[in-house]
Amino acid sequence: MNSNLGKSVQRLDGISKVTGKAVYASDIQHPTALIGRLLLSNRPHARILSINTVKALSLPGVKAVISGADVPDVRYGLIIKDRFILPKHKVRYIGEPIAAVAAENEELACQAIDLIDVEYEDFEPVFTAEEALLDQSPILHPEFAAYLCPDLYIRYGNVCMPA
């Protein structure tokens, strides 16, 4: 058995990587490929009243703009199925993706994102776990009891499973 344990081994791709000649998947550009960008929520906790994508879609070179209204009514999540692909009615954190754009180039995609109009109704935010446990804290997931998840999860208030 030939073991390299404890020995210096030359990487086959080492030279190309340190010289900047290595080609990565993100370096490959297909002439008909579109560029995607996401519009992120700037609110910590709010109801989505409306998302207007008309201006973004009117830009020549913008091929698609989608929001929660355009995605299936199916929740997903690693253990607790608590999220839609894009939120339909409510955002729960700053940076939550709420719309997506596909355009012919990055500049157009960014312009289209800037043209999407979102109207929110702000809710009281919850910034810490300790705050979320208080009786008077707003419930972040009022429909939590209906989410699919393992039976061992005890759900009440903003708690999904006591430690």
N, C-alpha and C. Protein backbone atom coordinates (compact mmCIF):
# COMPACT_ATOMS: atom_id res chain seq x y z
N MET A 1 0.85 -1.17 0.00
CA MET A 1 0.00 0.00 0.00
C MET A 1 0.89 1.23 0.00
N ASN A 2 0.61 2.16 -0.92
CA ASN A 2 1.40 3.38 -1.05
C ASN A 2 0.67 4.50 -0.33
N SER A 3 1.14 4.90 0.85
CA SER A 3 0.48 5.92 1.63
C SER A 3 1.20 7.26 1.48
N ASN A 4 0.42 8.31 1.32
CA ASN A 4 0.98 9.65 1.24
C ASN A 4 0.91 10.35 2.59
N LEU A 5 0.51 9.63 3.63
CA LEU A 5 0.39 10.20 4.95
C LEU A 5 1.74 10.75 5.41
N GLY A 6 1.76 12.02 5.78
CA GLY A 6 2.97 12.66 6.27
C GLY A 6 3.91 13.16 5.18
N LYS A 7 3.49 13.01 3.93
CA LYS A 7 4.34 13.44 2.80
C LYS A 7 3.72 14.64 2.11
N SER A 8 4.55 15.45 1.53
CA SER A 8 4.07 16.57 0.71
C SER A 8 3.69 16.00 -0.65
N VAL A 9 2.47 16.27 -1.06
CA VAL A 9 1.96 15.75 -2.33
C VAL A 9 1.59 16.92 -3.22
N GLN A 10 2.12 16.93 -4.44
CA GLN A 10 1.81 18.01 -5.37
C GLN A 10 0.40 17.82 -5.93
N ARG A 11 -0.38 18.89 -5.86
CA ARG A 11 -1.74 18.85 -6.42
C ARG A 11 -1.65 18.94 -7.93
N LEU A 12 -2.48 18.17 -8.61
CA LEU A 12 -2.51 18.19 -10.06
C LEU A 12 -2.97 19.55 -10.60
N ASP A 13 -3.87 20.21 -9.85
CA ASP A 13 -4.41 21.49 -10.30
C ASP A 13 -3.76 22.69 -9.59
N GLY A 14 -2.72 22.44 -8.82
CA GLY A 14 -2.10 23.50 -8.02
C GLY A 14 -1.56 24.66 -8.83
N ILE A 15 -0.82 24.39 -9.87
CA ILE A 15 -0.21 25.45 -10.68
C ILE A 15 -1.28 26.31 -11.33
N SER A 16 -2.30 25.68 -11.92
CA SER A 16 -3.35 26.47 -12.58
C SER A 16 -4.11 27.33 -11.58
N LYS A 17 -4.29 26.86 -10.36
CA LYS A 17 -5.01 27.64 -9.35
C LYS A 17 -4.19 28.83 -8.86
N VAL A 18 -2.93 28.63 -8.56
CA VAL A 18 -2.13 29.75 -8.03
C VAL A 18 -1.76 30.76 -9.11
N THR A 19 -1.82 30.38 -10.36
CA THR A 19 -1.52 31.33 -11.44
C THR A 19 -2.78 32.00 -11.99
N GLY A 20 -3.96 31.59 -11.49
CA GLY A 20 -5.21 32.19 -11.95
C GLY A 20 -5.71 31.63 -13.26
N LYS A 21 -5.12 30.53 -13.72
CA LYS A 21 -5.54 29.96 -15.01
C LYS A 21 -6.62 28.88 -14.86
N ALA A 22 -6.91 28.48 -13.64
CA ALA A 22 -7.93 27.45 -13.42
C ALA A 22 -9.29 27.98 -13.85
N VAL A 23 -10.09 27.13 -14.44
CA VAL A 23 -11.43 27.50 -14.88
C VAL A 23 -12.44 26.88 -13.92
N TYR A 24 -13.29 27.73 -13.35
CA TYR A 24 -14.33 27.30 -12.43
C TYR A 24 -15.69 27.39 -13.13
N ALA A 25 -16.69 26.74 -12.56
CA ALA A 25 -18.01 26.75 -13.18
C ALA A 25 -18.52 28.18 -13.37
N SER A 26 -18.22 29.07 -12.42
CA SER A 26 -18.70 30.46 -12.54
C SER A 26 -17.97 31.24 -13.63
N ASP A 27 -16.87 30.71 -14.14
CA ASP A 27 -16.14 31.36 -15.23
C ASP A 27 -16.74 31.05 -16.60
N ILE A 28 -17.55 30.02 -16.66
CA ILE A 28 -18.10 29.58 -17.94
C ILE A 28 -19.35 30.40 -18.24
N GLN A 29 -19.34 31.07 -19.38
CA GLN A 29 -20.48 31.89 -19.77
C GLN A 29 -21.02 31.40 -21.11
N HIS A 30 -22.27 31.03 -21.09
CA HIS A 30 -22.93 30.59 -22.31
C HIS A 30 -23.63 31.81 -22.91
N PRO A 31 -23.56 32.00 -24.21
CA PRO A 31 -24.13 33.22 -24.81
C PRO A 31 -25.64 33.40 -24.59
N THR A 32 -26.37 32.32 -24.38
CA THR A 32 -27.81 32.46 -24.18
C THR A 32 -28.23 32.34 -22.71
N ALA A 33 -27.25 32.23 -21.82
CA ALA A 33 -27.57 32.09 -20.40
C ALA A 33 -28.12 33.41 -19.85
N LEU A 34 -29.05 33.29 -18.91
CA LEU A 34 -29.60 34.46 -18.25
C LEU A 34 -28.94 34.64 -16.89
N ILE A 35 -29.00 35.86 -16.38
CA ILE A 35 -28.45 36.17 -15.07
C ILE A 35 -29.63 36.35 -14.11
N GLY A 36 -29.54 35.74 -12.95
CA GLY A 36 -30.60 35.86 -11.96
C GLY A 36 -30.18 36.72 -10.79
N ARG A 37 -31.12 37.46 -10.23
CA ARG A 37 -30.89 38.26 -9.04
C ARG A 37 -32.14 38.17 -8.17
N LEU A 38 -31.94 38.32 -6.87
CA LEU A 38 -33.03 38.26 -5.90
C LEU A 38 -33.29 39.63 -5.28
N LEU A 39 -34.55 39.94 -5.07
CA LEU A 39 -34.92 41.10 -4.27
C LEU A 39 -35.07 40.60 -2.84
N LEU A 40 -34.37 41.24 -1.91
CA LEU A 40 -34.37 40.82 -0.52
C LEU A 40 -35.20 41.78 0.33
N SER A 41 -35.89 41.24 1.29
CA SER A 41 -36.71 42.07 2.18
C SER A 41 -35.82 43.01 2.98
N ASN A 42 -36.30 44.24 3.16
CA ASN A 42 -35.60 45.18 4.02
C ASN A 42 -36.35 45.37 5.33
N ARG A 43 -37.26 44.44 5.62
CA ARG A 43 -38.07 44.51 6.84
C ARG A 43 -37.83 43.26 7.68
N PRO A 44 -37.79 43.43 9.01
CA PRO A 44 -37.58 42.25 9.87
C PRO A 44 -38.83 41.40 10.07
N HIS A 45 -40.02 42.03 9.96
CA HIS A 45 -41.27 41.29 10.20
C HIS A 45 -42.40 42.13 9.62
N ALA A 46 -43.01 41.66 8.54
CA ALA A 46 -44.05 42.45 7.89
C ALA A 46 -44.93 41.58 7.01
N ARG A 47 -46.15 42.06 6.82
CA ARG A 47 -47.07 41.45 5.86
C ARG A 47 -46.75 42.05 4.49
N ILE A 48 -46.74 41.21 3.48
CA ILE A 48 -46.58 41.69 2.10
C ILE A 48 -47.97 42.05 1.60
N LEU A 49 -48.20 43.34 1.37
CA LEU A 49 -49.50 43.79 0.88
C LEU A 49 -49.58 43.67 -0.64
N SER A 50 -48.47 44.01 -1.31
CA SER A 50 -48.45 43.89 -2.77
C SER A 50 -47.01 43.88 -3.27
N ILE A 51 -46.82 43.22 -4.39
CA ILE A 51 -45.53 43.25 -5.10
C ILE A 51 -45.86 43.57 -6.55
N ASN A 52 -45.39 44.72 -7.00
CA ASN A 52 -45.66 45.15 -8.37
C ASN A 52 -44.39 44.97 -9.19
N THR A 53 -44.49 44.10 -10.19
CA THR A 53 -43.33 43.78 -11.02
C THR A 53 -43.44 44.34 -12.44
N VAL A 54 -44.48 45.13 -12.72
CA VAL A 54 -44.76 45.61 -14.08
C VAL A 54 -43.58 46.39 -14.65
N LYS A 55 -43.02 47.34 -13.89
CA LYS A 55 -41.91 48.15 -14.39
C LYS A 55 -40.69 47.28 -14.68
N ALA A 56 -40.42 46.33 -13.79
CA ALA A 56 -39.26 45.45 -13.98
C ALA A 56 -39.43 44.61 -15.25
N LEU A 57 -40.62 44.07 -15.46
CA LEU A 57 -40.89 43.25 -16.64
C LEU A 57 -40.87 44.04 -17.94
N SER A 58 -41.08 45.34 -17.85
CA SER A 58 -41.11 46.16 -19.07
C SER A 58 -39.72 46.50 -19.60
N LEU A 59 -38.69 46.25 -18.83
CA LEU A 59 -37.32 46.51 -19.31
C LEU A 59 -36.96 45.53 -20.42
N PRO A 60 -36.53 46.03 -21.57
CA PRO A 60 -36.08 45.12 -22.63
C PRO A 60 -34.89 44.29 -22.13
N GLY A 61 -34.96 42.99 -22.33
CA GLY A 61 -33.89 42.11 -21.88
C GLY A 61 -34.20 41.40 -20.57
N VAL A 62 -35.26 41.83 -19.88
CA VAL A 62 -35.71 41.12 -18.68
C VAL A 62 -36.67 40.03 -19.15
N LYS A 63 -36.34 38.79 -18.87
CA LYS A 63 -37.12 37.66 -19.38
C LYS A 63 -38.18 37.15 -18.40
N ALA A 64 -37.94 37.33 -17.10
CA ALA A 64 -38.91 36.84 -16.12
C ALA A 64 -38.72 37.56 -14.79
N VAL A 65 -39.84 37.76 -14.10
CA VAL A 65 -39.84 38.27 -12.73
C VAL A 65 -40.88 37.45 -11.99
N ILE A 66 -40.49 36.85 -10.87
CA ILE A 66 -41.44 36.05 -10.10
C ILE A 66 -41.44 36.49 -8.64
N SER A 67 -42.58 36.24 -8.01
CA SER A 67 -42.73 36.49 -6.57
C SER A 67 -43.46 35.29 -5.98
N GLY A 68 -43.83 35.38 -4.72
CA GLY A 68 -44.54 34.29 -4.06
C GLY A 68 -45.83 33.88 -4.75
N ALA A 69 -46.46 34.83 -5.43
CA ALA A 69 -47.71 34.52 -6.14
C ALA A 69 -47.48 33.57 -7.31
N ASP A 70 -46.23 33.47 -7.77
CA ASP A 70 -45.92 32.67 -8.96
C ASP A 70 -45.36 31.29 -8.64
N VAL A 71 -45.16 30.98 -7.38
CA VAL A 71 -44.56 29.69 -7.01
C VAL A 71 -45.61 28.77 -6.41
N PRO A 72 -45.39 27.47 -6.45
CA PRO A 72 -46.37 26.52 -5.91
C PRO A 72 -46.67 26.77 -4.44
N ASP A 73 -47.85 26.38 -4.03
CA ASP A 73 -48.30 26.53 -2.65
C ASP A 73 -47.79 25.36 -1.80
N VAL A 74 -46.51 25.11 -1.86
CA VAL A 74 -45.90 23.98 -1.16
C VAL A 74 -44.82 24.52 -0.23
N ARG A 75 -44.89 24.11 1.02
CA ARG A 75 -43.88 24.53 2.00
C ARG A 75 -42.72 23.54 1.98
N TYR A 76 -41.53 24.05 2.31
CA TYR A 76 -40.36 23.19 2.41
C TYR A 76 -39.55 23.59 3.63
N GLY A 77 -38.57 22.81 3.94
CA GLY A 77 -37.68 23.06 5.07
C GLY A 77 -36.96 21.78 5.40
N LEU A 78 -35.80 21.89 6.01
CA LEU A 78 -34.99 20.71 6.30
C LEU A 78 -35.72 19.72 7.20
N ILE A 79 -36.28 20.20 8.31
CA ILE A 79 -37.01 19.32 9.22
C ILE A 79 -38.46 19.78 9.33
N ILE A 80 -38.66 21.07 9.57
CA ILE A 80 -40.00 21.64 9.66
C ILE A 80 -40.32 22.32 8.33
N LYS A 81 -41.39 21.95 7.72
CA LYS A 81 -41.78 22.52 6.42
C LYS A 81 -42.49 23.86 6.69
N ASP A 82 -41.68 24.92 6.83
CA ASP A 82 -42.21 26.21 7.29
C ASP A 82 -42.01 27.36 6.30
N ARG A 83 -41.48 27.08 5.12
CA ARG A 83 -41.18 28.16 4.17
C ARG A 83 -41.71 27.84 2.79
N PHE A 84 -42.09 28.89 2.08
CA PHE A 84 -42.37 28.77 0.66
C PHE A 84 -41.08 29.11 -0.08
N ILE A 85 -40.98 28.77 -1.35
CA ILE A 85 -39.81 29.12 -2.14
C ILE A 85 -39.59 30.63 -2.07
N LEU A 86 -40.64 31.40 -2.25
CA LEU A 86 -40.65 32.84 -2.02
C LEU A 86 -41.88 33.11 -1.16
N PRO A 87 -41.76 33.97 -0.16
CA PRO A 87 -42.90 34.18 0.75
C PRO A 87 -44.11 34.72 0.01
N LYS A 88 -45.28 34.27 0.46
CA LYS A 88 -46.52 34.66 -0.19
C LYS A 88 -47.21 35.81 0.53
N HIS A 89 -47.11 35.84 1.85
CA HIS A 89 -47.88 36.82 2.61
C HIS A 89 -47.07 37.59 3.65
N LYS A 90 -45.93 37.06 4.05
CA LYS A 90 -45.25 37.62 5.21
C LYS A 90 -43.74 37.42 5.09
N VAL A 91 -42.98 38.42 5.55
CA VAL A 91 -41.52 38.25 5.66
C VAL A 91 -41.19 38.20 7.14
N ARG A 92 -40.16 37.41 7.48
CA ARG A 92 -39.82 37.20 8.88
C ARG A 92 -38.40 37.62 9.23
N TYR A 93 -37.63 38.08 8.22
CA TYR A 93 -36.28 38.55 8.52
C TYR A 93 -35.76 39.45 7.40
N ILE A 94 -34.87 40.34 7.78
CA ILE A 94 -34.23 41.21 6.80
C ILE A 94 -33.34 40.32 5.93
N GLY A 95 -33.48 40.45 4.63
CA GLY A 95 -32.70 39.63 3.71
C GLY A 95 -33.44 38.42 3.18
N GLU A 96 -34.69 38.23 3.59
CA GLU A 96 -35.47 37.11 3.05
C GLU A 96 -35.76 37.38 1.57
N PRO A 97 -35.44 36.46 0.67
CA PRO A 97 -35.72 36.67 -0.76
C PRO A 97 -37.23 36.74 -0.99
N ILE A 98 -37.69 37.79 -1.70
CA ILE A 98 -39.12 37.94 -1.93
C ILE A 98 -39.50 37.99 -3.41
N ALA A 99 -38.52 38.19 -4.28
CA ALA A 99 -38.79 38.17 -5.72
C ALA A 99 -37.49 37.79 -6.43
N ALA A 100 -37.63 37.29 -7.66
CA ALA A 100 -36.46 36.90 -8.46
C ALA A 100 -36.62 37.42 -9.88
N VAL A 101 -35.49 37.78 -10.47
CA VAL A 101 -35.44 38.32 -11.82
C VAL A 101 -34.49 37.48 -12.65
N ALA A 102 -34.83 37.25 -13.92
CA ALA A 102 -33.93 36.64 -14.89
C ALA A 102 -33.80 37.62 -16.05
N ALA A 103 -32.55 38.01 -16.36
CA ALA A 103 -32.33 39.00 -17.41
C ALA A 103 -31.11 38.61 -18.24
N GLU A 104 -30.96 39.31 -19.36
CA GLU A 104 -29.88 38.99 -20.29
C GLU A 104 -28.49 39.31 -19.76
N ASN A 105 -28.39 40.24 -18.81
CA ASN A 105 -27.08 40.54 -18.22
C ASN A 105 -27.27 41.03 -16.79
N GLU A 106 -26.16 41.14 -16.09
CA GLU A 106 -26.22 41.49 -14.67
C GLU A 106 -26.75 42.91 -14.45
N GLU A 107 -26.35 43.83 -15.28
CA GLU A 107 -26.80 45.22 -15.14
C GLU A 107 -28.32 45.32 -15.25
N LEU A 108 -28.89 44.64 -16.23
CA LEU A 108 -30.34 44.63 -16.41
C LEU A 108 -31.05 43.96 -15.22
N ALA A 109 -30.48 42.87 -14.75
CA ALA A 109 -31.07 42.16 -13.62
C ALA A 109 -31.11 43.07 -12.40
N CYS A 110 -30.04 43.80 -12.15
CA CYS A 110 -29.98 44.72 -11.01
C CYS A 110 -30.95 45.88 -11.20
N GLN A 111 -31.06 46.41 -12.41
CA GLN A 111 -32.02 47.49 -12.68
C GLN A 111 -33.45 47.00 -12.44
N ALA A 112 -33.73 45.80 -12.88
CA ALA A 112 -35.08 45.25 -12.71
C ALA A 112 -35.41 45.08 -11.23
N ILE A 113 -34.47 44.60 -10.46
CA ILE A 113 -34.69 44.44 -9.01
C ILE A 113 -35.07 45.79 -8.40
N ASP A 114 -34.35 46.84 -8.81
CA ASP A 114 -34.63 48.19 -8.27
C ASP A 114 -36.01 48.71 -8.66
N LEU A 115 -36.60 48.16 -9.73
CA LEU A 115 -37.91 48.63 -10.20
C LEU A 115 -39.09 47.86 -9.60
N ILE A 116 -38.81 46.83 -8.82
CA ILE A 116 -39.89 46.07 -8.18
C ILE A 116 -40.38 46.87 -6.97
N ASP A 117 -41.68 47.08 -6.93
CA ASP A 117 -42.31 47.87 -5.87
C ASP A 117 -42.99 46.94 -4.87
N VAL A 118 -42.58 47.01 -3.62
CA VAL A 118 -43.19 46.17 -2.58
C VAL A 118 -43.84 47.07 -1.55
N GLU A 119 -45.09 46.76 -1.22
CA GLU A 119 -45.79 47.48 -0.17
C GLU A 119 -45.94 46.53 1.02
N TYR A 120 -45.52 47.02 2.19
CA TYR A 120 -45.53 46.21 3.41
C TYR A 120 -46.46 46.83 4.46
N GLU A 121 -46.92 45.98 5.36
CA GLU A 121 -47.51 46.42 6.62
C GLU A 121 -46.56 45.89 7.69
N ASP A 122 -45.86 46.79 8.36
CA ASP A 122 -44.87 46.37 9.34
C ASP A 122 -45.53 45.79 10.59
N PHE A 123 -44.92 44.72 11.10
CA PHE A 123 -45.32 44.12 12.37
C PHE A 123 -44.21 44.40 13.38
N GLU A 124 -44.53 44.18 14.63
CA GLU A 124 -43.51 44.33 15.67
C GLU A 124 -42.42 43.27 15.43
N PRO A 125 -41.17 43.69 15.33
CA PRO A 125 -40.10 42.72 15.11
C PRO A 125 -39.69 42.00 16.39
N VAL A 126 -39.09 40.86 16.23
CA VAL A 126 -38.52 40.09 17.35
C VAL A 126 -37.05 39.86 16.99
N PHE A 127 -36.14 40.37 17.82
CA PHE A 127 -34.73 40.33 17.45
C PHE A 127 -33.89 39.29 18.19
N THR A 128 -34.39 38.77 19.31
CA THR A 128 -33.59 37.78 20.05
C THR A 128 -34.47 36.59 20.43
N ALA A 129 -33.82 35.48 20.73
CA ALA A 129 -34.55 34.29 21.17
C ALA A 129 -35.25 34.56 22.50
N GLU A 130 -34.59 35.30 23.38
CA GLU A 130 -35.18 35.62 24.69
C GLU A 130 -36.46 36.44 24.51
N GLU A 131 -36.41 37.39 23.60
CA GLU A 131 -37.57 38.23 23.31
C GLU A 131 -38.71 37.39 22.72
N ALA A 132 -38.38 36.43 21.87
CA ALA A 132 -39.38 35.58 21.23
C ALA A 132 -40.13 34.72 22.24
N LEU A 133 -39.49 34.41 23.39
CA LEU A 133 -40.11 33.55 24.39
C LEU A 133 -41.08 34.29 25.31
N LEU A 134 -41.07 35.61 25.29
CA LEU A 134 -41.98 36.37 26.14
C LEU A 134 -43.42 36.19 25.70
N ASP A 135 -44.34 36.12 26.66
CA ASP A 135 -45.75 35.92 26.35
C ASP A 135 -46.32 36.99 25.44
N GLN A 136 -45.85 38.23 25.58
CA GLN A 136 -46.40 39.33 24.79
C GLN A 136 -45.72 39.49 23.43
N SER A 137 -44.74 38.64 23.10
CA SER A 137 -44.07 38.74 21.80
C SER A 137 -44.99 38.32 20.67
N PRO A 138 -44.86 38.98 19.52
CA PRO A 138 -45.68 38.56 18.38
C PRO A 138 -45.31 37.14 17.95
N ILE A 139 -46.29 36.39 17.53
CA ILE A 139 -46.06 35.03 17.06
C ILE A 139 -45.55 35.12 15.61
N LEU A 140 -44.36 34.60 15.38
CA LEU A 140 -43.75 34.69 14.06
C LEU A 140 -44.37 33.71 13.06
N HIS A 141 -44.84 32.59 13.56
CA HIS A 141 -45.45 31.57 12.69
C HIS A 141 -46.83 31.20 13.27
N PRO A 142 -47.86 32.02 13.07
CA PRO A 142 -49.17 31.69 13.65
C PRO A 142 -49.76 30.39 13.11
N GLU A 143 -49.35 29.96 11.92
CA GLU A 143 -49.86 28.72 11.33
C GLU A 143 -48.96 27.52 11.64
N PHE A 144 -48.09 27.66 12.62
CA PHE A 144 -47.08 26.65 12.94
C PHE A 144 -47.67 25.27 13.21
N ALA A 145 -48.82 25.19 13.85
CA ALA A 145 -49.42 23.89 14.18
C ALA A 145 -49.75 23.09 12.93
N ALA A 146 -49.92 23.75 11.79
CA ALA A 146 -50.27 23.06 10.54
C ALA A 146 -49.04 22.63 9.73
N TYR A 147 -47.84 23.07 10.13
CA TYR A 147 -46.64 22.70 9.38
C TYR A 147 -46.35 21.22 9.53
N LEU A 148 -45.85 20.62 8.46
CA LEU A 148 -45.40 19.24 8.54
C LEU A 148 -44.06 19.19 9.25
N CYS A 149 -43.96 18.32 10.25
CA CYS A 149 -42.70 18.13 10.96
C CYS A 149 -42.81 16.86 11.81
N PRO A 150 -41.69 16.35 12.29
CA PRO A 150 -41.74 15.14 13.13
C PRO A 150 -42.62 15.35 14.37
N ASP A 151 -43.29 14.29 14.81
CA ASP A 151 -44.21 14.36 15.95
C ASP A 151 -43.54 14.80 17.24
N LEU A 152 -42.23 14.59 17.37
CA LEU A 152 -41.57 14.91 18.62
C LEU A 152 -41.42 16.41 18.86
N TYR A 153 -41.75 17.23 17.88
CA TYR A 153 -41.65 18.67 18.05
C TYR A 153 -42.88 19.18 18.81
N ILE A 154 -42.63 19.81 19.94
CA ILE A 154 -43.69 20.38 20.77
C ILE A 154 -43.82 21.83 20.36
N ARG A 155 -44.97 22.21 19.87
CA ARG A 155 -45.11 23.55 19.30
C ARG A 155 -46.06 24.40 20.13
N TYR A 156 -45.56 25.54 20.58
CA TYR A 156 -46.39 26.53 21.25
C TYR A 156 -45.70 27.88 21.17
N GLY A 157 -46.48 28.92 21.05
CA GLY A 157 -45.90 30.26 20.94
C GLY A 157 -44.87 30.33 19.82
N ASN A 158 -43.69 30.82 20.17
CA ASN A 158 -42.59 30.86 19.21
C ASN A 158 -41.60 29.71 19.43
N VAL A 159 -42.04 28.67 20.13
CA VAL A 159 -41.17 27.53 20.43
C VAL A 159 -41.56 26.35 19.55
N CYS A 160 -40.57 25.71 18.94
CA CYS A 160 -40.87 24.52 18.15
C CYS A 160 -40.43 23.25 18.87
N MET A 161 -39.47 23.38 19.80
CA MET A 161 -39.05 22.22 20.58
C MET A 161 -38.18 22.71 21.73
N PRO A 162 -38.62 22.47 22.95
CA PRO A 162 -37.80 22.90 24.10
C PRO A 162 -36.45 22.21 24.10
N ALA A 163 -35.44 22.90 24.57
CA ALA A 163 -34.08 22.33 24.62
C ALA A 163 -33.98 21.28 25.69
